[in-house]
PDB file of all heavy atoms in Angstrom:
ATOM      1  N   ASP A   1     -73.892  23.681  11.306  1.00  0.00           N
ATOM      2  CA  ASP A   1     -72.860  24.712  11.204  1.00  0.00           C
ATOM      3  C   ASP A   1     -71.949  24.673  12.427  1.00  0.00           C
ATOM      4  O   ASP A   1     -70.714  24.754  12.321  1.00  0.00           O
ATOM      5  CB  ASP A   1     -73.517  26.085  11.075  1.00  0.00           C
ATOM      6  CG  ASP A   1     -72.536  27.173  10.663  1.00  0.00           C
ATOM      7  OD1 ASP A   1     -71.574  26.867   9.955  1.00  0.00           O
ATOM      8  OD2 ASP A   1     -72.745  28.323  11.063  1.00  0.00           O
ATOM      9  N   LEU A   2     -72.550  24.515  13.602  1.00  0.00           N
ATOM     10  CA  LEU A   2     -71.765  24.446  14.826  1.00  0.00           C
ATOM     11  C   LEU A   2     -70.943  23.159  14.864  1.00  0.00           C
ATOM     12  O   LEU A   2     -69.786  23.163  15.311  1.00  0.00           O
ATOM     13  CB  LEU A   2     -72.688  24.528  16.040  1.00  0.00           C
ATOM     14  CG  LEU A   2     -72.031  24.688  17.408  1.00  0.00           C
ATOM     15  CD1 LEU A   2     -71.060  25.859  17.419  1.00  0.00           C
ATOM     16  CD2 LEU A   2     -73.084  24.866  18.489  1.00  0.00           C
ATOM     17  N   ALA A   3     -71.524  22.068  14.379  1.00  0.00           N
ATOM     18  CA  ALA A   3     -70.783  20.796  14.329  1.00  0.00           C
ATOM     19  C   ALA A   3     -69.543  20.931  13.441  1.00  0.00           C
ATOM     20  O   ALA A   3     -68.457  20.453  13.794  1.00  0.00           O
ATOM     21  CB  ALA A   3     -71.688  19.688  13.806  1.00  0.00           C
ATOM     22  N   ILE A   4     -69.692  21.595  12.295  1.00  0.00           N
ATOM     23  CA  ILE A   4     -68.558  21.805  11.395  1.00  0.00           C
ATOM     24  C   ILE A   4     -67.461  22.613  12.083  1.00  0.00           C
ATOM     25  O   ILE A   4     -66.268  22.318  11.953  1.00  0.00           O
ATOM     26  CB  ILE A   4     -69.020  22.500  10.100  1.00  0.00           C
ATOM     27  CG1 ILE A   4     -69.883  21.542   9.266  1.00  0.00           C
ATOM     28  CG2 ILE A   4     -67.832  22.999   9.289  1.00  0.00           C
ATOM     29  CD1 ILE A   4     -70.545  22.194   8.072  1.00  0.00           C
ATOM     30  N   SER A   5     -67.867  23.617  12.851  1.00  0.00           N
ATOM     31  CA  SER A   5     -66.882  24.467  13.522  1.00  0.00           C
ATOM     32  C   SER A   5     -66.126  23.725  14.611  1.00  0.00           C
ATOM     33  O   SER A   5     -65.071  24.183  15.067  1.00  0.00           O
ATOM     34  CB  SER A   5     -67.564  25.710  14.105  1.00  0.00           C
ATOM     35  OG  SER A   5     -68.379  25.373  15.212  1.00  0.00           O
ATOM     36  N   LEU A   6     -66.654  22.566  15.034  1.00  0.00           N
ATOM     37  CA  LEU A   6     -66.020  21.809  16.112  1.00  0.00           C
ATOM     38  C   LEU A   6     -65.309  20.554  15.615  1.00  0.00           C
ATOM     39  O   LEU A   6     -64.954  19.678  16.410  1.00  0.00           O
ATOM     40  CB  LEU A   6     -67.069  21.418  17.159  1.00  0.00           C
ATOM     41  CG  LEU A   6     -67.733  22.593  17.885  1.00  0.00           C
ATOM     42  CD1 LEU A   6     -68.838  22.098  18.781  1.00  0.00           C
ATOM     43  CD2 LEU A   6     -66.712  23.369  18.693  1.00  0.00           C
ATOM     44  N   LEU A   7     -65.093  20.451  14.329  1.00  0.00           N
ATOM     45  CA  LEU A   7     -64.410  19.277  13.775  1.00  0.00           C
ATOM     46  C   LEU A   7     -63.049  19.043  14.428  1.00  0.00           C
ATOM     47  O   LEU A   7     -62.657  17.910  14.681  1.00  0.00           O
ATOM     48  CB  LEU A   7     -64.250  19.429  12.264  1.00  0.00           C
ATOM     49  CG  LEU A   7     -65.475  19.067  11.413  1.00  0.00           C
ATOM     50  CD1 LEU A   7     -65.316  19.609  10.002  1.00  0.00           C
ATOM     51  CD2 LEU A   7     -65.691  17.560  11.402  1.00  0.00           C
ATOM     52  N   LEU A   8     -62.349  20.131  14.714  1.00  0.00           N
ATOM     53  CA  LEU A   8     -61.007  20.002  15.292  1.00  0.00           C
ATOM     54  C   LEU A   8     -60.992  20.288  16.795  1.00  0.00           C
ATOM     55  O   LEU A   8     -59.932  20.514  17.373  1.00  0.00           O
ATOM     56  CB  LEU A   8     -60.042  20.938  14.569  1.00  0.00           C
ATOM     57  CG  LEU A   8     -59.853  20.657  13.076  1.00  0.00           C
ATOM     58  CD1 LEU A   8     -58.902  21.665  12.456  1.00  0.00           C
ATOM     59  CD2 LEU A   8     -59.320  19.241  12.864  1.00  0.00           C
ATOM     60  N   THR A   9     -62.166  20.306  17.415  1.00  0.00           N
ATOM     61  CA  THR A   9     -62.327  20.521  18.873  1.00  0.00           C
ATOM     62  C   THR A   9     -61.461  21.662  19.397  1.00  0.00           C
ATOM     63  O   THR A   9     -60.576  21.457  20.243  1.00  0.00           O
ATOM     64  CB  THR A   9     -62.009  19.232  19.663  1.00  0.00           C
ATOM     65  OG1 THR A   9     -60.653  18.834  19.398  1.00  0.00           O
ATOM     66  CG2 THR A   9     -62.957  18.127  19.301  1.00  0.00           C
ATOM     67  N   PRO A  10     -61.688  22.882  18.922  1.00  0.00           N
ATOM     68  CA  PRO A  10     -60.901  24.018  19.412  1.00  0.00           C
ATOM     69  C   PRO A  10     -61.264  24.342  20.863  1.00  0.00           C
ATOM     70  O   PRO A  10     -62.404  24.128  21.290  1.00  0.00           O
ATOM     71  CB  PRO A  10     -61.327  25.151  18.471  1.00  0.00           C
ATOM     72  CG  PRO A  10     -62.724  24.797  18.084  1.00  0.00           C
ATOM     73  CD  PRO A  10     -62.727  23.297  17.972  1.00  0.00           C
ATOM     74  N   PRO A  11     -60.325  24.876  21.637  1.00  0.00           N
ATOM     75  CA  PRO A  11     -60.629  25.228  23.025  1.00  0.00           C
ATOM     76  C   PRO A  11     -61.473  26.482  23.171  1.00  0.00           C
ATOM     77  O   PRO A  11     -62.061  26.717  24.225  1.00  0.00           O
ATOM     78  CB  PRO A  11     -59.241  25.429  23.647  1.00  0.00           C
ATOM     79  CG  PRO A  11     -58.358  25.773  22.501  1.00  0.00           C
ATOM     80  CD  PRO A  11     -58.891  25.019  21.320  1.00  0.00           C
ATOM     81  N   VAL A  12     -61.538  27.309  22.113  1.00  0.00           N
ATOM     82  CA  VAL A  12     -62.297  28.560  22.166  1.00  0.00           C
ATOM     83  C   VAL A  12     -63.260  28.619  20.985  1.00  0.00           C
ATOM     84  O   VAL A  12     -62.857  28.404  19.842  1.00  0.00           O
ATOM     85  CB  VAL A  12     -61.360  29.795  22.132  1.00  0.00           C
ATOM     86  CG1 VAL A  12     -62.179  31.081  22.131  1.00  0.00           C
ATOM     87  CG2 VAL A  12     -60.408  29.781  23.314  1.00  0.00           C
ATOM     88  N   VAL A  13     -64.530  28.911  21.277  1.00  0.00           N
ATOM     89  CA  VAL A  13     -65.549  29.018  20.236  1.00  0.00           C
ATOM     90  C   VAL A  13     -66.217  30.381  20.328  1.00  0.00           C
ATOM     91  O   VAL A  13     -66.639  30.809  21.411  1.00  0.00           O
ATOM     92  CB  VAL A  13     -66.603  27.904  20.377  1.00  0.00           C
ATOM     93  CG1 VAL A  13     -67.757  28.132  19.401  1.00  0.00           C
ATOM     94  CG2 VAL A  13     -65.971  26.540  20.132  1.00  0.00           C
ATOM     95  N   PHE A  14     -66.303  31.067  19.184  1.00  0.00           N
ATOM     96  CA  PHE A  14     -67.021  32.337  19.102  1.00  0.00           C
ATOM     97  C   PHE A  14     -68.362  32.096  18.413  1.00  0.00           C
ATOM     98  O   PHE A  14     -68.407  31.523  17.316  1.00  0.00           O
ATOM     99  CB  PHE A  14     -66.216  33.365  18.303  1.00  0.00           C
ATOM    100  CG  PHE A  14     -64.858  33.659  18.879  1.00  0.00           C
ATOM    101  CD1 PHE A  14     -63.713  33.449  18.125  1.00  0.00           C
ATOM    102  CD2 PHE A  14     -64.728  34.137  20.164  1.00  0.00           C
ATOM    103  CE1 PHE A  14     -62.467  33.709  18.649  1.00  0.00           C
ATOM    104  CE2 PHE A  14     -63.476  34.403  20.701  1.00  0.00           C
ATOM    105  CZ  PHE A  14     -62.343  34.186  19.946  1.00  0.00           C
ATOM    106  N   LEU A  15     -69.425  32.533  19.045  1.00  0.00           N
ATOM    107  CA  LEU A  15     -70.772  32.385  18.494  1.00  0.00           C
ATOM    108  C   LEU A  15     -71.374  33.772  18.328  1.00  0.00           C
ATOM    109  O   LEU A  15     -71.720  34.440  19.316  1.00  0.00           O
ATOM    110  CB  LEU A  15     -71.647  31.535  19.427  1.00  0.00           C
ATOM    111  CG  LEU A  15     -71.130  30.125  19.748  1.00  0.00           C
ATOM    112  CD1 LEU A  15     -72.044  29.450  20.776  1.00  0.00           C
ATOM    113  CD2 LEU A  15     -71.042  29.292  18.484  1.00  0.00           C
ATOM    114  N   ASP A  16     -71.488  34.216  17.092  1.00  0.00           N
ATOM    115  CA  ASP A  16     -71.988  35.559  16.796  1.00  0.00           C
ATOM    116  C   ASP A  16     -73.476  35.480  16.466  1.00  0.00           C
ATOM    117  O   ASP A  16     -73.861  35.123  15.355  1.00  0.00           O
ATOM    118  CB  ASP A  16     -71.191  36.160  15.637  1.00  0.00           C
ATOM    119  CG  ASP A  16     -71.457  37.651  15.452  1.00  0.00           C
ATOM    120  OD1 ASP A  16     -72.086  38.263  16.345  1.00  0.00           O
ATOM    121  OD2 ASP A  16     -71.042  38.198  14.416  1.00  0.00           O
ATOM    122  N   GLU A  17     -74.295  35.798  17.466  1.00  0.00           N
ATOM    123  CA  GLU A  17     -75.753  35.751  17.344  1.00  0.00           C
ATOM    124  C   GLU A  17     -76.213  34.435  16.709  1.00  0.00           C
ATOM    125  O   GLU A  17     -76.868  34.420  15.660  1.00  0.00           O
ATOM    126  CB  GLU A  17     -76.255  36.956  16.558  1.00  0.00           C
ATOM    127  CG  GLU A  17     -75.881  38.278  17.224  1.00  0.00           C
ATOM    128  CD  GLU A  17     -76.549  39.495  16.598  1.00  0.00           C
ATOM    129  OE1 GLU A  17     -77.484  39.308  15.792  1.00  0.00           O
ATOM    130  OE2 GLU A  17     -76.154  40.619  16.933  1.00  0.00           O
ATOM    131  N   PRO A  18     -75.885  33.305  17.327  1.00  0.00           N
ATOM    132  CA  PRO A  18     -76.136  31.997  16.708  1.00  0.00           C
ATOM    133  C   PRO A  18     -77.591  31.620  16.550  1.00  0.00           C
ATOM    134  O   PRO A  18     -77.914  30.764  15.731  1.00  0.00           O
ATOM    135  CB  PRO A  18     -75.429  31.030  17.662  1.00  0.00           C
ATOM    136  CG  PRO A  18     -75.466  31.716  18.984  1.00  0.00           C
ATOM    137  CD  PRO A  18     -75.274  33.170  18.668  1.00  0.00           C
ATOM    138  N   THR A  19     -78.491  32.223  17.336  1.00  0.00           N
ATOM    139  CA  THR A  19     -79.895  31.805  17.263  1.00  0.00           C
ATOM    140  C   THR A  19     -80.784  32.828  16.567  1.00  0.00           C
ATOM    141  O   THR A  19     -82.009  32.693  16.595  1.00  0.00           O
ATOM    142  CB  THR A  19     -80.459  31.528  18.670  1.00  0.00           C
ATOM    143  OG1 THR A  19     -80.451  32.743  19.427  1.00  0.00           O
ATOM    144  CG2 THR A  19     -79.632  30.474  19.394  1.00  0.00           C
ATOM    145  N   THR A  20     -80.197  33.824  15.930  1.00  0.00           N
ATOM    146  CA  THR A  20     -80.995  34.820  15.216  1.00  0.00           C
ATOM    147  C   THR A  20     -81.846  34.150  14.142  1.00  0.00           C
ATOM    148  O   THR A  20     -81.353  33.378  13.326  1.00  0.00           O
ATOM    149  CB  THR A  20     -80.089  35.881  14.566  1.00  0.00           C
ATOM    150  OG1 THR A  20     -79.385  36.578  15.585  1.00  0.00           O
ATOM    151  CG2 THR A  20     -80.909  36.874  13.750  1.00  0.00           C
ATOM    152  N   GLY A  21     -83.131  34.425  14.151  1.00  0.00           N
ATOM    153  CA  GLY A  21     -84.039  33.889  13.143  1.00  0.00           C
ATOM    154  C   GLY A  21     -84.597  32.512  13.448  1.00  0.00           C
ATOM    155  O   GLY A  21     -85.420  32.008  12.684  1.00  0.00           O
ATOM    156  N   LEU A  22     -84.183  31.902  14.556  1.00  0.00           N
ATOM    157  CA  LEU A  22     -84.693  30.568  14.895  1.00  0.00           C
ATOM    158  C   LEU A  22     -85.977  30.675  15.713  1.00  0.00           C
ATOM    159  O   LEU A  22     -86.177  31.640  16.453  1.00  0.00           O
ATOM    160  CB  LEU A  22     -83.655  29.786  15.698  1.00  0.00           C
ATOM    161  CG  LEU A  22     -82.313  29.494  15.021  1.00  0.00           C
ATOM    162  CD1 LEU A  22     -81.478  28.595  15.911  1.00  0.00           C
ATOM    163  CD2 LEU A  22     -82.511  28.862  13.650  1.00  0.00           C
ATOM    164  N   ASP A  23     -86.830  29.655  15.575  1.00  0.00           N
ATOM    165  CA  ASP A  23     -88.022  29.627  16.411  1.00  0.00           C
ATOM    166  C   ASP A  23     -87.638  29.208  17.825  1.00  0.00           C
ATOM    167  O   ASP A  23     -86.497  28.833  18.105  1.00  0.00           O
ATOM    168  CB  ASP A  23     -89.088  28.693  15.826  1.00  0.00           C
ATOM    169  CG  ASP A  23     -88.604  27.253  15.674  1.00  0.00           C
ATOM    170  OD1 ASP A  23     -87.842  26.766  16.539  1.00  0.00           O
ATOM    171  OD2 ASP A  23     -88.987  26.606  14.684  1.00  0.00           O
ATOM    172  N   THR A  24     -88.604  29.288  18.740  1.00  0.00           N
ATOM    173  CA  THR A  24     -88.326  29.045  20.155  1.00  0.00           C
ATOM    174  C   THR A  24     -87.761  27.651  20.404  1.00  0.00           C
ATOM    175  O   THR A  24     -86.788  27.483  21.141  1.00  0.00           O
ATOM    176  CB  THR A  24     -89.599  29.228  20.985  1.00  0.00           C
ATOM    177  OG1 THR A  24     -90.063  30.578  20.829  1.00  0.00           O
ATOM    178  CG2 THR A  24     -89.326  28.981  22.462  1.00  0.00           C
ATOM    179  N   ARG A  25     -88.334  26.625  19.779  1.00  0.00           N
ATOM    180  CA  ARG A  25     -87.867  25.259  19.995  1.00  0.00           C
ATOM    181  C   ARG A  25     -86.429  25.082  19.496  1.00  0.00           C
ATOM    182  O   ARG A  25     -85.589  24.511  20.187  1.00  0.00           O
ATOM    183  CB  ARG A  25     -88.791  24.259  19.294  1.00  0.00           C
ATOM    184  CG  ARG A  25     -88.383  22.796  19.516  1.00  0.00           C
ATOM    185  CD  ARG A  25     -89.303  21.865  18.754  1.00  0.00           C
ATOM    186  NE  ARG A  25     -90.666  21.961  19.219  1.00  0.00           N
ATOM    187  CZ  ARG A  25     -91.131  21.307  20.289  1.00  0.00           C
ATOM    188  NH1 ARG A  25     -90.318  20.519  20.986  1.00  0.00           N
ATOM    189  NH2 ARG A  25     -92.388  21.439  20.647  1.00  0.00           N
ATOM    190  N   SER A  26     -86.157  25.594  18.287  1.00  0.00           N
ATOM    191  CA  SER A  26     -84.811  25.470  17.727  1.00  0.00           C
ATOM    192  C   SER A  26     -83.793  26.234  18.568  1.00  0.00           C
ATOM    193  O   SER A  26     -82.659  25.784  18.760  1.00  0.00           O
ATOM    194  CB  SER A  26     -84.787  25.986  16.288  1.00  0.00           C
ATOM    195  OG  SER A  26     -85.608  25.205  15.454  1.00  0.00           O
ATOM    196  N   ARG A  27     -84.207  27.402  19.065  1.00  0.00           N
ATOM    197  CA  ARG A  27     -83.306  28.197  19.902  1.00  0.00           C
ATOM    198  C   ARG A  27     -82.948  27.429  21.178  1.00  0.00           C
ATOM    199  O   ARG A  27     -81.788  27.355  21.576  1.00  0.00           O
ATOM    200  CB  ARG A  27     -83.966  29.533  20.253  1.00  0.00           C
ATOM    201  CG  ARG A  27     -83.073  30.462  21.081  1.00  0.00           C
ATOM    202  CD  ARG A  27     -83.738  31.799  21.334  1.00  0.00           C
ATOM    203  NE  ARG A  27     -83.965  32.490  20.083  1.00  0.00           N
ATOM    204  CZ  ARG A  27     -85.148  32.948  19.685  1.00  0.00           C
ATOM    205  NH1 ARG A  27     -86.213  32.780  20.434  1.00  0.00           N
ATOM    206  NH2 ARG A  27     -85.256  33.568  18.536  1.00  0.00           N
ATOM    207  N   GLN A  28     -83.943  26.830  21.806  1.00  0.00           N
ATOM    208  CA  GLN A  28     -83.685  26.094  23.045  1.00  0.00           C
ATOM    209  C   GLN A  28     -82.842  24.851  22.799  1.00  0.00           C
ATOM    210  O   GLN A  28     -82.017  24.473  23.637  1.00  0.00           O
ATOM    211  CB  GLN A  28     -85.012  25.734  23.715  1.00  0.00           C
ATOM    212  CG  GLN A  28     -85.749  26.953  24.261  1.00  0.00           C
ATOM    213  CD  GLN A  28     -87.086  26.613  24.873  1.00  0.00           C
ATOM    214  OE1 GLN A  28     -87.619  25.516  24.682  1.00  0.00           O
ATOM    215  NE2 GLN A  28     -87.654  27.557  25.623  1.00  0.00           N
ATOM    216  N   GLU A  29     -83.025  24.202  21.641  1.00  0.00           N
ATOM    217  CA  GLU A  29     -82.187  23.045  21.303  1.00  0.00           C
ATOM    218  C   GLU A  29     -80.728  23.469  21.154  1.00  0.00           C
ATOM    219  O   GLU A  29     -79.818  22.764  21.610  1.00  0.00           O
ATOM    220  CB  GLU A  29     -82.688  22.407  20.003  1.00  0.00           C
ATOM    221  CG  GLU A  29     -84.015  21.671  20.140  1.00  0.00           C
ATOM    222  CD  GLU A  29     -84.532  21.170  18.805  1.00  0.00           C
ATOM    223  OE1 GLU A  29     -83.948  21.563  17.758  1.00  0.00           O
ATOM    224  OE2 GLU A  29     -85.515  20.406  18.806  1.00  0.00           O
ATOM    225  N   LEU A  30     -80.501  24.625  20.533  1.00  0.00           N
ATOM    226  CA  LEU A  30     -79.131  25.098  20.360  1.00  0.00           C
ATOM    227  C   LEU A  30     -78.538  25.516  21.704  1.00  0.00           C
ATOM    228  O   LEU A  30     -77.337  25.354  21.939  1.00  0.00           O
ATOM    229  CB  LEU A  30     -79.094  26.258  19.364  1.00  0.00           C
ATOM    230  CG  LEU A  30     -77.718  26.594  18.776  1.00  0.00           C
ATOM    231  CD1 LEU A  30     -77.099  25.372  18.109  1.00  0.00           C
ATOM    232  CD2 LEU A  30     -77.825  27.734  17.776  1.00  0.00           C
ATOM    233  N   TRP A  31     -79.367  26.059  22.594  1.00  0.00           N
ATOM    234  CA  TRP A  31     -78.894  26.390  23.938  1.00  0.00           C
ATOM    235  C   TRP A  31     -78.346  25.144  24.628  1.00  0.00           C
ATOM    236  O   TRP A  31     -77.313  25.204  25.296  1.00  0.00           O
ATOM    237  CB  TRP A  31     -80.029  26.969  24.772  1.00  0.00           C
ATOM    238  CG  TRP A  31     -80.444  28.356  24.406  1.00  0.00           C
ATOM    239  CD1 TRP A  31     -79.869  29.177  23.468  1.00  0.00           C
ATOM    240  CD2 TRP A  31     -81.536  29.088  24.962  1.00  0.00           C
ATOM    241  NE1 TRP A  31     -80.547  30.367  23.402  1.00  0.00           N
ATOM    242  CE2 TRP A  31     -81.567  30.354  24.308  1.00  0.00           C
ATOM    243  CE3 TRP A  31     -82.486  28.811  25.931  1.00  0.00           C
ATOM    244  CZ2 TRP A  31     -82.509  31.323  24.618  1.00  0.00           C
ATOM    245  CZ3 TRP A  31     -83.429  29.782  26.247  1.00  0.00           C
ATOM    246  CH2 TRP A  31     -83.445  31.023  25.600  1.00  0.00           C
ATOM    247  N   ASP A  32     -79.051  24.020  24.480  1.00  0.00           N
ATOM    248  CA  ASP A  32     -78.589  22.770  25.100  1.00  0.00           C
ATOM    249  C   ASP A  32     -77.220  22.367  24.567  1.00  0.00           C
ATOM    250  O   ASP A  32     -76.358  21.900  25.314  1.00  0.00           O
ATOM    251  CB  ASP A  32     -79.605  21.647  24.855  1.00  0.00           C
ATOM    252  CG  ASP A  32     -80.893  21.839  25.631  1.00  0.00           C
ATOM    253  OD1 ASP A  32     -80.878  22.579  26.634  1.00  0.00           O
ATOM    254  OD2 ASP A  32     -81.918  21.257  25.227  1.00  0.00           O
ATOM    255  N   VAL A  33     -77.023  22.552  23.255  1.00  0.00           N
ATOM    256  CA  VAL A  33     -75.730  22.224  22.643  1.00  0.00           C
ATOM    257  C   VAL A  33     -74.633  23.114  23.210  1.00  0.00           C
ATOM    258  O   VAL A  33     -73.536  22.648  23.553  1.00  0.00           O
ATOM    259  CB  VAL A  33     -75.807  22.381  21.112  1.00  0.00           C
ATOM    260  CG1 VAL A  33     -74.420  22.258  20.496  1.00  0.00           C
ATOM    261  CG2 VAL A  33     -76.739  21.341  20.511  1.00  0.00           C
ATOM    262  N   ILE A  34     -74.917  24.410  23.338  1.00  0.00           N
ATOM    263  CA  ILE A  34     -73.926  25.354  23.848  1.00  0.00           C
ATOM    264  C   ILE A  34     -73.567  25.028  25.291  1.00  0.00           C
ATOM    265  O   ILE A  34     -72.399  25.061  25.688  1.00  0.00           O
ATOM    266  CB  ILE A  34     -74.457  26.799  23.722  1.00  0.00           C
ATOM    267  CG1 ILE A  34     -74.599  27.180  22.234  1.00  0.00           C
ATOM    268  CG2 ILE A  34     -73.540  27.784  24.438  1.00  0.00           C
ATOM    269  CD1 ILE A  34     -75.343  28.475  21.994  1.00  0.00           C
ATOM    270  N   ARG A  35     -74.570  24.689  26.084  1.00  0.00           N
ATOM    271  CA  ARG A  35     -74.303  24.305  27.481  1.00  0.00           C
ATOM    272  C   ARG A  35     -73.414  23.066  27.552  1.00  0.00           C
ATOM    273  O   ARG A  35     -72.517  22.973  28.401  1.00  0.00           O
ATOM    274  CB  ARG A  35     -75.625  24.037  28.212  1.00  0.00           C
ATOM    275  CG  ARG A  35     -76.485  25.268  28.463  1.00  0.00           C
ATOM    276  CD  ARG A  35     -77.656  24.923  29.356  1.00  0.00           C
ATOM    277  NE  ARG A  35     -78.581  26.040  29.507  1.00  0.00           N
ATOM    278  CZ  ARG A  35     -79.743  26.150  28.857  1.00  0.00           C
ATOM    279  NH1 ARG A  35     -80.121  25.184  28.014  1.00  0.00           N
ATOM    280  NH2 ARG A  35     -80.526  27.200  29.046  1.00  0.00           N
ATOM    281  N   SER A  36     -73.661  22.110  26.658  1.00  0.00           N
ATOM    282  CA  SER A  36     -72.858  20.879  26.682  1.00  0.00           C
ATOM    283  C   SER A  36     -71.414  21.159  26.298  1.00  0.00           C
ATOM    284  O   SER A  36     -70.486  20.531  26.819  1.00  0.00           O
ATOM    285  CB  SER A  36     -73.472  19.825  25.750  1.00  0.00           C
ATOM    286  OG  SER A  36     -73.316  20.179  24.388  1.00  0.00           O
ATOM    287  N   LEU A  37     -71.205  22.116  25.382  1.00  0.00           N
ATOM    288  CA  LEU A  37     -69.842  22.489  25.003  1.00  0.00           C
ATOM    289  C   LEU A  37     -69.090  23.065  26.194  1.00  0.00           C
ATOM    290  O   LEU A  37     -67.946  22.697  26.470  1.00  0.00           O
ATOM    291  CB  LEU A  37     -69.870  23.519  23.874  1.00  0.00           C
ATOM    292  CG  LEU A  37     -70.311  23.046  22.494  1.00  0.00           C
ATOM    293  CD1 LEU A  37     -70.381  24.226  21.538  1.00  0.00           C
ATOM    294  CD2 LEU A  37     -69.367  21.991  21.972  1.00  0.00           C
ATOM    295  N   ALA A  38     -69.741  23.981  26.900  1.00  0.00           N
ATOM    296  CA  ALA A  38     -69.106  24.591  28.067  1.00  0.00           C
ATOM    297  C   ALA A  38     -68.850  23.559  29.157  1.00  0.00           C
ATOM    298  O   ALA A  38     -67.807  23.590  29.820  1.00  0.00           O
ATOM    299  CB  ALA A  38     -69.977  25.724  28.596  1.00  0.00           C
ATOM    300  N   ALA A  39     -69.786  22.629  29.329  1.00  0.00           N
ATOM    301  CA  ALA A  39     -69.612  21.583  30.338  1.00  0.00           C
ATOM    302  C   ALA A  39     -68.401  20.710  30.016  1.00  0.00           C
ATOM    303  O   ALA A  39     -67.773  20.146  30.920  1.00  0.00           O
ATOM    304  CB  ALA A  39     -70.867  20.729  30.424  1.00  0.00           C
TER     305      ALA A  39
END
């Protein structure tokens, strides 16, 4: 879902509770993705 939202590489991304319902491992994997976007 996040990959689809970045197809056009927008400069601003809104994430509305993106990890709700995910287990700990999946949540941490998504955190890594979010950090890489900001970097």
